[in-house]
C-alpha cells in the first residue's frame, strides 16, 4: 500500500482546508478586502501548502529511500524522485 493511501483521509482533509483557504482569498479579492487581509490569507495558504509538502516529503523519504527491505535500485529511484520534487519546489 502506498504511503499516500495509508494516510489518505488526513491528506485529503489538509488539501480541502487549503482549497477553502484559496476560496477565501478569491472572495476577499472579489469583495475588495484590504490588501493586508489578503496578504495574511496568502501567507496562511503558503504555510499550509508547505506543511503538506513537508509531510509528503517525509513520508516519501521514510518509505522510498530509508525503508527497510528496499533494493539499492529502489533507494536510488526514491532518492531521485525526492530530489526532483525538492528542486521543483525550490524554483
Protein backbone atom coordinates (compact mmCIF):
# COMPACT_ATOMS: atom_id res chain seq x y z
CA UNK A 1 0.00 0.00 0.00
CA UNK A 2 1.31 3.44 -0.95
CA UNK A 3 2.11 5.81 1.91
CA UNK A 4 -0.30 8.36 0.40
CA UNK A 5 -3.05 5.75 0.62
CA UNK A 6 -2.29 4.77 4.19
CA UNK A 7 -2.99 8.31 5.43
CA UNK A 8 -5.32 9.28 2.57
CA UNK A 9 -8.06 10.77 4.75
CA UNK A 10 -5.62 13.04 6.58
CA UNK A 11 -4.07 14.24 3.31
CA UNK A 12 -7.49 14.86 1.78
CA UNK A 13 -8.56 16.85 4.83
CA UNK A 14 -5.45 19.01 4.53
CA UNK A 15 -5.98 19.64 0.83
CA UNK A 16 -9.63 20.52 1.43
CA UNK A 17 -8.62 23.04 4.08
CA UNK A 18 -6.14 24.55 1.62
CA UNK A 19 -8.87 24.71 -1.04
CA UNK A 20 -11.07 26.53 1.48
CA UNK A 21 -8.29 28.99 2.21
CA UNK A 22 -7.79 29.67 -1.51
CA UNK A 23 -11.55 30.18 -1.93
CA UNK A 24 -11.42 32.71 0.93
CA UNK A 25 -8.67 34.61 -0.90
CA UNK A 26 -10.80 34.66 -4.05
CA UNK A 27 -13.76 36.02 -2.07
CA UNK A 28 -11.58 38.64 -0.38
CA UNK A 29 -10.28 39.87 -3.72
CA UNK A 30 -13.77 39.90 -5.25
CA UNK A 31 -15.11 41.84 -2.26
CA UNK A 32 -12.17 44.26 -2.42
CA UNK A 33 -10.89 43.43 1.05
CA UNK A 34 -7.84 45.27 2.28
CA UNK A 35 -4.51 44.20 0.90
CA UNK A 36 -3.20 43.40 4.40
CA UNK A 37 -6.06 40.93 4.86
CA UNK A 38 -5.37 39.27 1.52
CA UNK A 39 -1.62 39.11 2.19
CA UNK A 40 -2.30 37.45 5.53
CA UNK A 41 -4.55 34.87 3.84
CA UNK A 42 -1.95 34.17 1.14
CA UNK A 43 0.71 33.68 3.80
CA UNK A 44 -1.60 31.19 5.52
CA UNK A 45 -2.04 29.21 2.30
CA UNK A 46 1.69 29.22 1.72
CA UNK A 47 2.25 27.82 5.20
CA UNK A 48 -0.44 25.18 4.72
CA UNK A 49 0.99 24.06 1.38
CA UNK A 50 4.46 23.99 2.93
CA UNK A 51 3.16 21.78 5.73
CA UNK A 52 1.55 19.42 3.24
CA UNK A 53 4.75 19.29 1.20
CA UNK A 54 6.78 18.57 4.34
CA UNK A 55 4.51 15.69 5.26
CA UNK A 56 4.64 14.20 1.77
CA UNK A 57 8.43 14.58 1.51
CA UNK A 58 8.91 12.99 4.93
CA UNK A 59 6.66 10.05 4.07
CA UNK A 60 8.40 9.60 0.71
CA UNK A 61 11.83 9.62 2.34
CA UNK A 62 10.85 7.11 5.01
CA UNK A 63 9.08 4.81 2.56
CA UNK A 64 11.09 5.01 -0.66
CA UNK A 65 14.60 5.91 0.49
CA UNK A 66 15.09 4.76 4.09
CA UNK A 67 12.50 2.00 4.20
CA UNK A 68 13.66 -1.45 5.23
CA UNK A 69 13.95 -4.09 2.56
CA UNK A 70 14.50 -1.77 -0.38
CA UNK A 71 17.00 -2.70 -3.04
CA UNK A 72 19.77 -0.28 -3.97
CA UNK A 73 17.92 0.44 -7.20
CA UNK A 74 14.68 1.24 -5.36
CA UNK A 75 16.51 3.52 -2.93
CA UNK A 76 18.24 5.34 -5.79
CA UNK A 77 14.93 5.80 -7.61
CA UNK A 78 13.27 7.08 -4.43
CA UNK A 79 16.14 9.50 -3.84
CA UNK A 80 15.97 10.76 -7.44
CA UNK A 81 12.22 11.35 -7.09
CA UNK A 82 12.75 13.19 -3.83
CA UNK A 83 15.46 15.41 -5.31
CA UNK A 84 13.28 16.24 -8.31
CA UNK A 85 10.44 17.33 -6.03
CA UNK A 86 12.77 19.46 -3.89
CA UNK A 87 14.26 21.10 -6.98
CA UNK A 88 10.82 21.93 -8.37
CA UNK A 89 9.78 23.43 -5.03
CA UNK A 90 12.97 25.46 -4.73
CA UNK A 91 12.41 27.26 -8.03
